[in-house]
Amino acid sequence: MVAEIEAAGGTALAVRADVTDLDAVLRLVATVVETFGGIDVLVNNAGNVGADRGFEADPPPFWETGPEEWQAWFDVNLFGVMNCSRAVLPVMIERGGGRIVTLVSDAGRVGEPFLVPYSAAKAGAAGFVRSLAKAVGRHGITANTVSLGTVRSEERGGPDEETAAAMLRRYVIRRFGRPADVAAVVLLLASDASSWITGQTIPVNGGYSMAT
């Protein structure tokens, strides 16, 4: 990705960090600030659906699980968002503005019976961002979430044809999302065009659910 950005004439830096470790994230932010002089935009894009478990797997019902199985969902999907936001906010406040965009899931908006801890973590992240928006708005910082349906890319495997057809029956637009569908909305929320949008959850989901 760095090479691709540089080939297009941009400047890029790749730094590896565990978003569940606040100290690691603080070191990451310090490296970015040292290299580029500040941070204008944070996109919280790290997420998981549990340790080594995918949406198409057959997880046990919630009542047959325990806290040790829930932890991985919350560590990345909720605490990862909190850690990264905590790390960049002093930099943004000092600079007098910034944008925080967090990717969540429609599982957190409508609930998924086989993804109960994941749904809770994503709903928690959205609630955190709404509260954060109220806390930092006076500093010229906006904070919003983008709520996704199922997104597929060439790098990511998908369900078999029968499973895919069953999943798509719940979508008004009968296809899975593409990275470009998400990127367009994230770009809007990261730009000056969204300077009067904050505390919002914007569904990008092909009509999987409807917002009022």
Protein backbone atom coordinates (compact mmCIF):
# COMPACT_ATOMS: atom_id res chain seq x y z
CA MET A 1 0.00 0.00 0.00
CA VAL A 2 2.83 2.41 0.80
CA ALA A 3 4.42 1.73 -2.59
CA GLU A 4 1.09 2.28 -4.33
CA ILE A 5 0.57 5.63 -2.62
CA GLU A 6 4.10 6.77 -3.35
CA ALA A 7 3.78 5.70 -6.97
CA ALA A 8 0.75 7.98 -7.22
CA GLY A 9 2.81 10.90 -5.95
CA GLY A 10 1.82 10.78 -2.29
CA THR A 11 3.75 10.24 0.92
CA ALA A 12 3.01 7.26 3.15
CA LEU A 13 4.28 5.55 6.27
CA ALA A 14 3.36 2.07 7.50
CA VAL A 15 3.68 1.41 11.23
CA ARG A 16 2.56 -1.82 12.86
CA ALA A 17 0.71 -1.58 16.18
CA ASP A 18 -1.83 -3.54 18.22
CA VAL A 19 -4.90 -1.35 18.68
CA THR A 20 -5.80 -3.21 21.87
CA ASP A 21 -2.58 -1.92 23.50
CA LEU A 22 -2.83 1.78 24.36
CA ASP A 23 0.92 2.16 24.87
CA ALA A 24 1.56 0.69 21.41
CA VAL A 25 -0.97 3.07 19.88
CA LEU A 26 0.58 6.05 21.66
CA ARG A 27 3.96 5.10 20.21
CA LEU A 28 2.37 4.81 16.77
CA VAL A 29 0.84 8.27 17.05
CA ALA A 30 4.14 9.74 18.24
CA THR A 31 5.88 8.28 15.19
CA VAL A 32 3.26 9.72 12.85
CA VAL A 33 3.45 13.16 14.46
CA GLU A 34 7.25 13.12 14.30
CA THR A 35 7.13 12.19 10.61
CA PHE A 36 4.27 14.37 9.37
CA GLY A 37 3.94 17.07 12.00
CA GLY A 38 0.40 16.20 13.11
CA ILE A 39 -2.73 14.17 12.53
CA ASP A 40 -5.84 15.51 10.80
CA VAL A 41 -7.90 12.34 10.32
CA LEU A 42 -8.29 9.08 12.23
CA VAL A 43 -10.17 6.21 10.59
CA ASN A 44 -10.88 3.42 13.05
CA ASN A 45 -10.96 0.49 10.62
CA ALA A 46 -9.53 -2.35 12.70
CA GLY A 47 -12.16 -4.95 13.55
CA ASN A 48 -12.73 -8.61 14.10
CA VAL A 49 -15.53 -11.09 14.61
CA GLY A 50 -13.90 -12.98 17.43
CA ALA A 51 -10.72 -15.00 17.63
CA ASP A 52 -10.30 -17.04 14.43
CA ARG A 53 -14.02 -16.94 13.75
CA GLY A 54 -15.78 -15.60 10.66
CA PHE A 55 -19.34 -14.55 9.88
CA GLU A 56 -19.93 -17.75 7.93
CA ALA A 57 -18.82 -20.01 10.79
CA ASP A 58 -21.29 -21.73 13.11
CA PRO A 59 -20.60 -20.21 16.53
CA PRO A 60 -22.21 -21.61 19.69
CA PRO A 61 -25.21 -19.76 21.13
CA PHE A 62 -24.40 -16.93 23.51
CA TRP A 63 -25.64 -18.83 26.56
CA GLU A 64 -23.02 -21.52 25.97
CA THR A 65 -20.14 -19.02 26.01
CA GLY A 66 -18.33 -17.05 28.71
CA PRO A 67 -16.32 -13.89 29.27
CA GLU A 68 -13.11 -15.47 28.04
CA GLU A 69 -14.75 -15.90 24.63
CA TRP A 70 -16.29 -12.43 24.56
CA GLN A 71 -13.06 -10.58 25.30
CA ALA A 72 -11.57 -10.69 21.79
CA TRP A 73 -14.66 -9.04 20.33
CA PHE A 74 -14.55 -6.13 22.79
CA ASP A 75 -10.77 -5.69 22.80
CA VAL A 76 -10.62 -4.77 19.10
CA ASN A 77 -14.10 -3.51 18.21
CA LEU A 78 -14.65 -1.26 21.24
CA PHE A 79 -11.43 -0.75 23.20
CA GLY A 80 -9.38 -0.49 20.00
CA VAL A 81 -11.57 2.44 18.92
CA MET A 82 -11.23 4.04 22.35
CA ASN A 83 -7.45 3.58 22.42
CA CYS A 84 -6.88 5.09 18.98
CA SER A 85 -9.22 8.00 19.66
CA ARG A 86 -7.57 8.66 23.02
CA ALA A 87 -4.14 8.69 21.38
CA VAL A 88 -4.92 11.18 18.61
CA LEU A 89 -7.21 13.61 20.42
CA PRO A 90 -4.50 15.62 22.22
CA VAL A 91 -2.80 16.14 18.85
CA MET A 92 -6.05 17.19 17.16
CA ILE A 93 -7.04 19.50 20.01
CA GLU A 94 -3.66 21.22 19.88
CA ARG A 95 -4.04 21.67 16.10
CA GLY A 96 -7.57 23.06 16.52
CA GLY A 97 -9.52 20.44 14.59
CA GLY A 98 -9.73 17.00 13.10
CA ARG A 99 -11.93 14.18 11.87
CA ILE A 100 -12.58 10.81 13.52
CA VAL A 101 -14.40 8.22 11.41
CA THR A 102 -15.17 4.81 12.92
CA LEU A 103 -16.36 1.80 10.97
CA VAL A 104 -18.98 -0.21 12.81
CA SER A 105 -21.50 -2.82 11.71
CA ASP A 106 -25.22 -3.07 11.20
CA ALA A 107 -24.97 -5.92 13.68
CA GLY A 108 -24.70 -3.19 16.28
CA ARG A 109 -27.78 -1.39 14.95
CA VAL A 110 -30.22 -4.24 14.37
CA GLY A 111 -28.64 -7.17 16.28
CA GLU A 112 -27.43 -10.53 15.04
CA PRO A 113 -28.49 -13.66 16.97
CA PHE A 114 -25.25 -15.55 16.27
CA LEU A 115 -22.98 -12.54 16.85
CA VAL A 116 -24.20 -11.31 20.22
CA PRO A 117 -20.87 -10.11 21.73
CA TYR A 118 -19.79 -8.63 18.39
CA SER A 119 -23.10 -6.76 18.08
CA ALA A 120 -22.68 -5.43 21.62
CA ALA A 121 -19.12 -4.25 20.94
CA LYS A 122 -20.07 -2.48 17.71
CA ALA A 123 -23.07 -0.82 19.37
CA GLY A 124 -20.75 0.27 22.16
CA ALA A 125 -18.34 1.80 19.65
CA ALA A 126 -21.17 3.79 18.06
CA GLY A 127 -22.33 5.02 21.47
CA PHE A 128 -18.78 5.97 22.37
CA VAL A 129 -18.44 8.02 19.18
CA ARG A 130 -21.71 9.87 19.81
CA SER A 131 -20.51 10.84 23.29
CA LEU A 132 -17.08 11.73 21.94
CA ALA A 133 -18.62 14.01 19.33
CA LYS A 134 -20.28 16.04 22.09
CA ALA A 135 -17.05 16.16 24.10
CA VAL A 136 -14.74 17.37 21.32
CA GLY A 137 -16.96 19.45 19.05
CA ARG A 138 -15.88 22.68 20.70
CA HIS A 139 -12.34 21.90 19.54
CA GLY A 140 -13.38 21.75 15.89
CA ILE A 141 -13.26 17.94 15.84
CA THR A 142 -16.04 15.84 14.34
CA ALA A 143 -16.67 12.18 15.14
CA ASN A 144 -18.97 9.91 13.14
CA THR A 145 -19.51 6.23 12.44
CA VAL A 146 -20.18 4.35 9.22
CA SER A 147 -22.32 1.25 9.75
CA LEU A 148 -21.63 -1.52 7.26
CA GLY A 149 -23.44 -4.47 5.84
CA THR A 150 -21.41 -7.34 4.40
CA VAL A 151 -18.51 -6.03 2.33
CA ARG A 152 -16.45 -8.24 0.04
CA SER A 153 -13.14 -7.62 -1.67
CA GLU A 154 -10.91 -9.62 -3.96
CA GLU A 155 -8.58 -10.36 -1.05
CA ARG A 156 -11.32 -11.68 1.20
CA GLY A 157 -12.99 -15.01 0.64
CA GLY A 158 -16.75 -15.28 0.55
CA PRO A 159 -19.50 -17.78 1.32
CA ASP A 160 -20.55 -20.50 -1.08
CA GLU A 161 -23.15 -19.65 -3.71
CA GLU A 162 -26.13 -20.99 -1.75
CA THR A 163 -25.16 -19.16 1.44
CA ALA A 164 -24.51 -15.95 -0.47
CA ALA A 165 -27.95 -16.13 -2.11
CA ALA A 166 -29.61 -16.59 1.27
CA MET A 167 -27.70 -13.65 2.74
CA LEU A 168 -28.52 -11.35 -0.17
CA ARG A 169 -32.25 -11.88 0.24
CA ARG A 170 -31.98 -9.45 3.17
CA TYR A 171 -30.47 -6.71 1.01
CA VAL A 172 -32.57 -4.27 -1.05
CA ILE A 173 -29.63 -3.91 -3.44
CA ARG A 174 -28.88 -7.51 -4.28
CA ARG A 175 -25.11 -7.49 -4.03
CA PHE A 176 -22.52 -7.37 -1.31
CA GLY A 177 -20.77 -4.11 -0.60
CA ARG A 178 -17.48 -3.20 -2.21
CA PRO A 179 -14.57 -1.31 -0.62
CA ALA A 180 -15.27 1.64 -2.92
CA ASP A 181 -18.81 1.93 -1.50
CA VAL A 182 -17.34 2.44 1.95
CA ALA A 183 -14.41 4.62 0.89
CA ALA A 184 -16.69 7.23 -0.70
CA VAL A 185 -18.54 7.88 2.56
CA VAL A 186 -15.38 7.78 4.68
CA LEU A 187 -13.81 10.31 2.33
CA LEU A 188 -16.80 12.63 2.78
CA LEU A 189 -16.62 12.40 6.58
CA ALA A 190 -12.86 12.97 6.52
CA SER A 191 -13.18 16.11 4.39
CA ASP A 192 -14.11 19.72 5.02
CA ALA A 193 -17.42 19.01 3.27
CA SER A 194 -18.59 17.28 6.46
CA SER A 195 -17.67 20.06 8.87
CA TRP A 196 -21.28 20.30 10.13
CA ILE A 197 -21.83 16.54 10.46
CA THR A 198 -20.95 14.97 13.80
CA GLY A 199 -22.26 12.32 16.18
CA GLN A 200 -23.97 10.48 13.33
CA THR A 201 -24.14 6.83 12.32
CA ILE A 202 -24.43 6.55 8.54
CA PRO A 203 -25.50 3.13 7.19
CA VAL A 204 -23.69 1.92 4.06
CA ASN A 205 -25.40 -1.39 3.69
CA GLY A 206 -27.31 -1.87 0.45
CA GLY A 207 -30.60 -1.49 2.30
CA TYR A 208 -29.93 -4.28 4.83
CA SER A 209 -31.49 -1.93 7.37
CA MET A 210 -33.07 1.50 7.10
CA ALA A 211 -32.24 4.62 9.14
CA THR A 212 -34.84 7.18 10.14
